[in-house]
C-alpha cells in the first residue's frame, strides 16, 4: 500500500478522494450517533458539503487523467453515480428544509447516497487500472 499514486494525481482527483474518505468516515459516525442532536445536525451539514464536493469533482476526474479529452468522452459508467448522488443530495436537503413530518424522511436519500455513492462507487474506484487500486494494492 502506498499513497504515492494519489499524491501524484491531479489536484481534482486528490480533492475527490480525500473528500470521499472524510465523507465515508463521517457517514459511519452519523449512522451510529444519536439523531436530532446539535452534533448530528452540524456534522450532517458538513457531510452534505463533502458529498457536494465529491459530486462536483467527479465530473472532472476523467478529464484530469486525460487532458484534452473531448467532452463526449468525459463520462464513463461510474458517472451514473454523479447524477444519482446529486439527485439524492437535493432530495434529502429539500426534506430537511421542509421540516415537519418530511424531516423524518431525509434519512432515506442520504443513506442511499452513502451506500450507492460512497460504498458502491467507492468499490468501483478500487478496480484494476484505477488510482485507488494502485494505492491499495500497488502498481
N, C-alpha and C. Protein backbone atom coordinates (compact mmCIF):
# COMPACT_ATOMS: atom_id res chain seq x y z
N UNK A 1 0.84 -1.18 0.00
CA UNK A 1 0.00 0.00 0.00
C UNK A 1 0.89 1.24 0.00
N UNK A 2 0.53 2.19 -0.89
CA UNK A 2 1.30 3.43 -0.99
C UNK A 2 0.38 4.56 -1.44
N UNK A 3 0.49 5.70 -0.78
CA UNK A 3 -0.29 6.87 -1.18
C UNK A 3 0.32 7.59 -2.38
N UNK A 4 1.48 7.15 -2.82
CA UNK A 4 2.19 7.84 -3.89
C UNK A 4 1.35 8.05 -5.15
N UNK A 5 0.62 7.02 -5.65
CA UNK A 5 -0.19 7.26 -6.85
C UNK A 5 -1.22 8.37 -6.65
N UNK A 6 -1.81 8.45 -5.47
CA UNK A 6 -2.78 9.51 -5.20
C UNK A 6 -2.09 10.87 -5.07
N UNK A 7 -0.95 10.88 -4.42
CA UNK A 7 -0.22 12.14 -4.25
C UNK A 7 0.29 12.69 -5.58
N UNK A 8 0.49 11.82 -6.56
CA UNK A 8 0.95 12.25 -7.89
C UNK A 8 -0.21 12.54 -8.83
N UNK A 9 -1.44 12.27 -8.41
CA UNK A 9 -2.62 12.50 -9.24
C UNK A 9 -2.92 14.00 -9.31
N UNK A 10 -3.67 14.42 -10.34
CA UNK A 10 -4.08 15.83 -10.41
C UNK A 10 -4.86 16.24 -9.16
N UNK A 11 -4.81 17.52 -8.84
CA UNK A 11 -5.40 18.04 -7.61
C UNK A 11 -6.89 17.73 -7.49
N UNK A 12 -7.63 17.73 -8.59
CA UNK A 12 -9.07 17.48 -8.52
C UNK A 12 -9.35 16.04 -8.08
N UNK A 13 -8.48 15.13 -8.47
CA UNK A 13 -8.63 13.73 -8.06
C UNK A 13 -8.30 13.59 -6.58
N UNK A 14 -7.26 14.29 -6.14
CA UNK A 14 -6.92 14.27 -4.72
C UNK A 14 -8.07 14.84 -3.88
N UNK A 15 -8.63 15.97 -4.32
CA UNK A 15 -9.76 16.57 -3.61
C UNK A 15 -10.92 15.59 -3.54
N UNK A 16 -11.22 14.96 -4.65
CA UNK A 16 -12.31 13.99 -4.74
C UNK A 16 -12.08 12.83 -3.77
N UNK A 17 -10.89 12.28 -3.77
CA UNK A 17 -10.58 11.12 -2.92
C UNK A 17 -10.58 11.49 -1.44
N UNK A 18 -9.94 12.59 -1.08
CA UNK A 18 -9.88 12.97 0.34
C UNK A 18 -11.27 13.31 0.87
N UNK A 19 -12.09 13.98 0.06
CA UNK A 19 -13.46 14.28 0.47
C UNK A 19 -14.25 12.99 0.64
N UNK A 20 -14.02 12.01 -0.23
CA UNK A 20 -14.72 10.73 -0.13
C UNK A 20 -14.32 9.98 1.14
N UNK A 21 -13.04 9.98 1.45
CA UNK A 21 -12.59 9.34 2.69
C UNK A 21 -13.25 9.98 3.90
N UNK A 22 -13.25 11.32 3.92
CA UNK A 22 -13.84 12.05 5.05
C UNK A 22 -15.35 11.80 5.13
N UNK A 23 -16.03 11.83 4.00
CA UNK A 23 -17.48 11.62 3.99
C UNK A 23 -17.83 10.20 4.42
N UNK A 24 -17.01 9.24 4.05
CA UNK A 24 -17.27 7.86 4.45
C UNK A 24 -17.16 7.72 5.97
N UNK A 25 -16.07 8.24 6.53
CA UNK A 25 -15.87 8.16 7.98
C UNK A 25 -16.97 8.93 8.73
N UNK A 26 -17.27 10.11 8.26
CA UNK A 26 -18.31 10.92 8.90
C UNK A 26 -19.68 10.26 8.76
N UNK A 27 -19.93 9.66 7.60
CA UNK A 27 -21.20 8.96 7.38
C UNK A 27 -21.38 7.79 8.33
N UNK A 28 -20.32 7.03 8.55
CA UNK A 28 -20.40 5.93 9.52
C UNK A 28 -20.74 6.46 10.91
N UNK A 29 -20.09 7.56 11.28
CA UNK A 29 -20.36 8.17 12.58
C UNK A 29 -21.81 8.64 12.66
N UNK A 30 -22.29 9.30 11.61
CA UNK A 30 -23.66 9.81 11.60
C UNK A 30 -24.69 8.68 11.72
N UNK A 31 -24.41 7.56 11.08
CA UNK A 31 -25.33 6.43 11.14
C UNK A 31 -25.41 5.85 12.56
N UNK A 32 -24.30 5.89 13.29
CA UNK A 32 -24.24 5.29 14.62
C UNK A 32 -24.62 6.26 15.74
N UNK A 33 -24.44 7.56 15.51
CA UNK A 33 -24.64 8.56 16.56
C UNK A 33 -26.14 8.84 16.79
N UNK A 34 -26.44 9.42 17.95
CA UNK A 34 -27.83 9.80 18.23
C UNK A 34 -28.33 10.84 17.21
N UNK A 35 -29.60 10.70 16.84
CA UNK A 35 -30.19 11.57 15.82
C UNK A 35 -30.85 12.78 16.47
N UNK A 36 -30.95 13.87 15.71
CA UNK A 36 -31.67 15.06 16.17
C UNK A 36 -30.88 15.97 17.08
N UNK A 37 -29.67 15.59 17.42
CA UNK A 37 -28.85 16.41 18.32
C UNK A 37 -28.14 17.50 17.52
N UNK A 38 -27.61 18.48 18.22
CA UNK A 38 -26.85 19.55 17.54
C UNK A 38 -25.63 18.97 16.81
N UNK A 39 -24.87 18.04 17.42
CA UNK A 39 -23.76 17.45 16.66
C UNK A 39 -24.23 16.72 15.39
N UNK A 40 -25.36 16.03 15.47
CA UNK A 40 -25.88 15.33 14.29
C UNK A 40 -26.22 16.33 13.19
N UNK A 41 -26.85 17.42 13.56
CA UNK A 41 -27.23 18.44 12.57
C UNK A 41 -26.00 19.11 11.98
N UNK A 42 -25.04 19.45 12.84
CA UNK A 42 -23.83 20.14 12.37
C UNK A 42 -22.99 19.23 11.49
N UNK A 43 -22.74 18.01 11.95
CA UNK A 43 -21.95 17.07 11.16
C UNK A 43 -22.69 16.64 9.89
N UNK A 44 -24.01 16.63 9.97
CA UNK A 44 -24.80 16.33 8.77
C UNK A 44 -24.60 17.40 7.70
N UNK A 45 -24.55 18.65 8.12
CA UNK A 45 -24.30 19.74 7.16
C UNK A 45 -22.90 19.62 6.55
N UNK A 46 -21.93 19.26 7.37
CA UNK A 46 -20.56 19.05 6.87
C UNK A 46 -20.56 17.90 5.87
N UNK A 47 -21.30 16.83 6.18
CA UNK A 47 -21.37 15.66 5.28
C UNK A 47 -21.99 16.05 3.94
N UNK A 48 -23.03 16.87 3.96
CA UNK A 48 -23.67 17.31 2.71
C UNK A 48 -22.68 18.14 1.89
N UNK A 49 -21.91 19.00 2.54
CA UNK A 49 -20.89 19.79 1.83
C UNK A 49 -19.83 18.86 1.22
N UNK A 50 -19.37 17.89 1.99
CA UNK A 50 -18.38 16.93 1.46
C UNK A 50 -18.94 16.17 0.26
N UNK A 51 -20.18 15.73 0.36
CA UNK A 51 -20.79 14.99 -0.75
C UNK A 51 -20.99 15.88 -1.97
N UNK A 52 -21.24 17.15 -1.75
CA UNK A 52 -21.35 18.09 -2.87
C UNK A 52 -20.00 18.25 -3.55
N UNK A 53 -18.94 18.36 -2.77
CA UNK A 53 -17.58 18.44 -3.32
C UNK A 53 -17.28 17.18 -4.14
N UNK A 54 -17.63 16.02 -3.60
CA UNK A 54 -17.39 14.76 -4.29
C UNK A 54 -18.16 14.71 -5.61
N UNK A 55 -19.42 15.13 -5.56
CA UNK A 55 -20.27 15.08 -6.75
C UNK A 55 -19.76 16.01 -7.85
N UNK A 56 -19.44 17.24 -7.49
CA UNK A 56 -18.96 18.20 -8.49
C UNK A 56 -17.59 17.78 -9.02
N UNK A 57 -16.70 17.37 -8.14
CA UNK A 57 -15.35 17.00 -8.60
C UNK A 57 -15.38 15.74 -9.46
N UNK A 58 -16.36 14.86 -9.25
CA UNK A 58 -16.42 13.62 -10.02
C UNK A 58 -16.58 13.88 -11.52
N UNK A 59 -17.20 14.99 -11.86
CA UNK A 59 -17.38 15.33 -13.27
C UNK A 59 -16.04 15.54 -13.96
N UNK A 60 -15.05 16.00 -13.20
CA UNK A 60 -13.75 16.37 -13.78
C UNK A 60 -12.65 15.34 -13.57
N UNK A 61 -12.98 14.20 -12.95
CA UNK A 61 -11.95 13.20 -12.67
C UNK A 61 -11.34 12.64 -13.95
N UNK A 62 -12.14 12.18 -14.87
CA UNK A 62 -11.61 11.58 -16.09
C UNK A 62 -10.84 12.59 -16.96
N UNK A 63 -11.39 13.80 -17.17
CA UNK A 63 -10.60 14.78 -17.94
C UNK A 63 -9.27 15.13 -17.29
N UNK A 64 -9.21 15.07 -15.95
CA UNK A 64 -7.95 15.36 -15.27
C UNK A 64 -6.91 14.30 -15.59
N UNK A 65 -7.37 13.06 -15.77
CA UNK A 65 -6.45 11.98 -16.10
C UNK A 65 -5.98 12.05 -17.55
N UNK A 66 -6.85 12.55 -18.41
CA UNK A 66 -6.56 12.61 -19.85
C UNK A 66 -6.79 14.03 -20.35
N UNK A 67 -5.85 14.94 -20.11
CA UNK A 67 -6.04 16.33 -20.54
C UNK A 67 -6.33 16.39 -22.05
N UNK A 68 -7.26 17.26 -22.41
CA UNK A 68 -7.64 17.41 -23.81
C UNK A 68 -8.70 16.43 -24.26
N UNK A 69 -9.20 15.62 -23.33
CA UNK A 69 -10.23 14.64 -23.67
C UNK A 69 -11.48 15.38 -24.15
N UNK A 70 -12.03 14.98 -25.31
CA UNK A 70 -13.23 15.66 -25.80
C UNK A 70 -14.40 15.47 -24.84
N UNK A 71 -15.28 16.45 -24.77
CA UNK A 71 -16.42 16.42 -23.86
C UNK A 71 -17.24 15.14 -24.00
N UNK A 72 -17.39 14.65 -25.20
CA UNK A 72 -18.18 13.44 -25.45
C UNK A 72 -17.58 12.21 -24.77
N UNK A 73 -16.31 12.26 -24.39
CA UNK A 73 -15.65 11.11 -23.76
C UNK A 73 -15.32 11.35 -22.29
N UNK A 74 -15.87 12.42 -21.71
CA UNK A 74 -15.61 12.75 -20.31
C UNK A 74 -16.17 11.72 -19.36
N UNK A 75 -17.25 11.08 -19.75
CA UNK A 75 -18.00 10.28 -18.79
C UNK A 75 -17.88 8.79 -19.05
N UNK A 76 -17.84 8.03 -17.96
CA UNK A 76 -17.84 6.57 -18.02
C UNK A 76 -19.02 6.06 -17.19
N UNK A 77 -19.19 4.76 -17.12
CA UNK A 77 -20.32 4.18 -16.39
C UNK A 77 -20.39 4.64 -14.94
N UNK A 78 -19.26 4.88 -14.33
CA UNK A 78 -19.25 5.26 -12.91
C UNK A 78 -19.89 6.64 -12.68
N UNK A 79 -19.96 7.45 -13.75
CA UNK A 79 -20.55 8.78 -13.61
C UNK A 79 -22.07 8.74 -13.43
N UNK A 80 -22.68 7.57 -13.58
CA UNK A 80 -24.10 7.44 -13.25
C UNK A 80 -24.31 7.80 -11.78
N UNK A 81 -23.32 7.46 -10.96
CA UNK A 81 -23.41 7.77 -9.54
C UNK A 81 -23.39 9.27 -9.29
N UNK A 82 -22.79 10.05 -10.18
CA UNK A 82 -22.78 11.50 -10.05
C UNK A 82 -24.21 12.03 -10.11
N UNK A 83 -24.97 11.56 -11.08
CA UNK A 83 -26.35 12.02 -11.26
C UNK A 83 -27.22 11.56 -10.09
N UNK A 84 -27.09 10.30 -9.72
CA UNK A 84 -27.89 9.74 -8.62
C UNK A 84 -27.56 10.46 -7.30
N UNK A 85 -26.29 10.71 -7.06
CA UNK A 85 -25.88 11.40 -5.84
C UNK A 85 -26.40 12.83 -5.81
N UNK A 86 -26.31 13.53 -6.93
CA UNK A 86 -26.83 14.90 -6.99
C UNK A 86 -28.32 14.92 -6.69
N UNK A 87 -29.05 14.00 -7.27
CA UNK A 87 -30.48 13.91 -7.02
C UNK A 87 -30.76 13.62 -5.54
N UNK A 88 -30.01 12.70 -4.95
CA UNK A 88 -30.18 12.36 -3.54
C UNK A 88 -29.86 13.52 -2.62
N UNK A 89 -28.80 14.27 -2.95
CA UNK A 89 -28.44 15.43 -2.13
C UNK A 89 -29.55 16.48 -2.16
N UNK A 90 -30.08 16.73 -3.34
CA UNK A 90 -31.16 17.71 -3.47
C UNK A 90 -32.40 17.22 -2.74
N UNK A 91 -32.77 15.96 -2.94
CA UNK A 91 -33.96 15.40 -2.29
C UNK A 91 -33.86 15.45 -0.78
N UNK A 92 -32.74 14.97 -0.25
CA UNK A 92 -32.55 14.95 1.21
C UNK A 92 -32.53 16.34 1.79
N UNK A 93 -31.87 17.26 1.11
CA UNK A 93 -31.78 18.64 1.60
C UNK A 93 -33.15 19.32 1.59
N UNK A 94 -33.93 19.09 0.54
CA UNK A 94 -35.28 19.67 0.48
C UNK A 94 -36.17 19.13 1.60
N UNK A 95 -36.03 17.85 1.91
CA UNK A 95 -36.80 17.28 3.01
C UNK A 95 -36.41 17.93 4.34
N UNK A 96 -35.13 18.20 4.52
CA UNK A 96 -34.67 18.88 5.74
C UNK A 96 -35.23 20.29 5.83
N UNK A 97 -35.18 21.00 4.71
CA UNK A 97 -35.66 22.38 4.70
C UNK A 97 -37.17 22.45 4.90
N UNK A 98 -37.87 21.46 4.39
CA UNK A 98 -39.33 21.42 4.54
C UNK A 98 -39.73 21.24 5.99
N UNK A 99 -38.96 20.45 6.73
CA UNK A 99 -39.21 20.24 8.14
C UNK A 99 -40.49 19.45 8.40
N UNK A 100 -40.96 19.54 9.61
CA UNK A 100 -42.19 18.84 9.99
C UNK A 100 -42.09 17.34 9.76
N UNK A 101 -43.18 16.71 9.32
CA UNK A 101 -43.17 15.26 9.09
C UNK A 101 -42.16 14.82 8.03
N UNK A 102 -41.87 15.70 7.06
CA UNK A 102 -40.92 15.37 5.99
C UNK A 102 -39.51 15.17 6.54
N UNK A 103 -39.24 15.79 7.68
CA UNK A 103 -37.90 15.72 8.28
C UNK A 103 -37.48 14.28 8.54
N UNK A 104 -38.41 13.44 8.96
CA UNK A 104 -38.08 12.04 9.25
C UNK A 104 -37.64 11.29 7.99
N UNK A 105 -38.07 11.75 6.83
CA UNK A 105 -37.76 11.05 5.58
C UNK A 105 -36.41 11.45 4.98
N UNK A 106 -35.72 12.42 5.56
CA UNK A 106 -34.45 12.86 4.97
C UNK A 106 -33.38 11.77 5.01
N UNK A 107 -33.53 10.84 5.94
CA UNK A 107 -32.51 9.80 6.08
C UNK A 107 -32.47 8.88 4.85
N UNK A 108 -33.61 8.63 4.24
CA UNK A 108 -33.67 7.69 3.11
C UNK A 108 -32.75 8.08 1.96
N UNK A 109 -32.85 9.31 1.41
CA UNK A 109 -31.92 9.64 0.31
C UNK A 109 -30.47 9.71 0.77
N UNK A 110 -30.23 10.16 2.00
CA UNK A 110 -28.86 10.27 2.47
C UNK A 110 -28.22 8.90 2.69
N UNK A 111 -28.98 7.96 3.20
CA UNK A 111 -28.47 6.59 3.36
C UNK A 111 -28.24 5.98 1.97
N UNK A 112 -29.13 6.27 1.04
CA UNK A 112 -28.95 5.81 -0.34
C UNK A 112 -27.67 6.34 -0.96
N UNK A 113 -27.38 7.61 -0.71
CA UNK A 113 -26.14 8.21 -1.20
C UNK A 113 -24.94 7.53 -0.55
N UNK A 114 -25.04 7.29 0.75
CA UNK A 114 -23.93 6.65 1.46
C UNK A 114 -23.64 5.28 0.84
N UNK A 115 -24.68 4.50 0.62
CA UNK A 115 -24.50 3.16 0.07
C UNK A 115 -24.07 3.22 -1.40
N UNK A 116 -24.82 3.97 -2.21
CA UNK A 116 -24.53 4.00 -3.64
C UNK A 116 -23.33 4.85 -4.01
N UNK A 117 -23.28 6.05 -3.44
CA UNK A 117 -22.23 6.99 -3.83
C UNK A 117 -20.89 6.77 -3.17
N UNK A 118 -20.92 6.22 -1.96
CA UNK A 118 -19.64 6.01 -1.26
C UNK A 118 -19.21 4.54 -1.26
N UNK A 119 -20.11 3.64 -0.94
CA UNK A 119 -19.71 2.23 -0.86
C UNK A 119 -19.60 1.60 -2.25
N UNK A 120 -20.68 1.67 -3.05
CA UNK A 120 -20.66 1.01 -4.36
C UNK A 120 -19.71 1.72 -5.33
N UNK A 121 -19.88 3.04 -5.48
CA UNK A 121 -18.98 3.77 -6.37
C UNK A 121 -17.54 3.70 -5.86
N UNK A 122 -17.39 3.74 -4.53
CA UNK A 122 -16.05 3.60 -3.95
C UNK A 122 -15.42 2.27 -4.29
N UNK A 123 -16.22 1.21 -4.30
CA UNK A 123 -15.69 -0.11 -4.67
C UNK A 123 -15.21 -0.10 -6.13
N UNK A 124 -15.94 0.57 -7.01
CA UNK A 124 -15.51 0.68 -8.41
C UNK A 124 -14.19 1.43 -8.52
N UNK A 125 -13.95 2.37 -7.60
CA UNK A 125 -12.70 3.14 -7.64
C UNK A 125 -11.48 2.27 -7.35
N UNK A 126 -11.70 1.10 -6.76
CA UNK A 126 -10.59 0.20 -6.44
C UNK A 126 -10.40 -0.89 -7.49
N UNK A 127 -11.06 -0.75 -8.65
CA UNK A 127 -10.89 -1.73 -9.73
C UNK A 127 -9.50 -1.59 -10.35
N UNK A 128 -8.96 -2.66 -10.92
CA UNK A 128 -7.64 -2.58 -11.57
C UNK A 128 -7.61 -1.48 -12.63
N UNK A 129 -6.49 -0.78 -12.67
CA UNK A 129 -6.32 0.30 -13.63
C UNK A 129 -6.69 1.66 -13.08
N UNK A 130 -7.28 1.70 -11.90
CA UNK A 130 -7.66 2.98 -11.30
C UNK A 130 -6.63 3.37 -10.23
N UNK A 131 -6.57 4.66 -9.94
CA UNK A 131 -5.59 5.18 -8.99
C UNK A 131 -5.72 4.52 -7.62
N UNK A 132 -6.96 4.37 -7.13
CA UNK A 132 -7.13 3.81 -5.80
C UNK A 132 -6.72 2.33 -5.75
N UNK A 133 -6.79 1.64 -6.85
CA UNK A 133 -6.29 0.26 -6.90
C UNK A 133 -4.78 0.27 -6.69
N UNK A 134 -4.12 1.20 -7.36
CA UNK A 134 -2.66 1.32 -7.20
C UNK A 134 -2.30 1.72 -5.77
N UNK A 135 -3.11 2.56 -5.15
CA UNK A 135 -2.86 2.97 -3.77
C UNK A 135 -2.98 1.76 -2.83
N UNK A 136 -4.03 0.99 -2.99
CA UNK A 136 -4.32 -0.10 -2.07
C UNK A 136 -3.49 -1.35 -2.33
N UNK A 137 -3.25 -1.65 -3.61
CA UNK A 137 -2.65 -2.92 -3.97
C UNK A 137 -1.30 -2.82 -4.69
N UNK A 138 -0.86 -1.58 -4.90
CA UNK A 138 0.40 -1.38 -5.60
C UNK A 138 0.24 -1.46 -7.11
N UNK A 139 1.22 -0.89 -7.81
CA UNK A 139 1.30 -0.90 -9.26
C UNK A 139 0.03 -1.04 -9.91
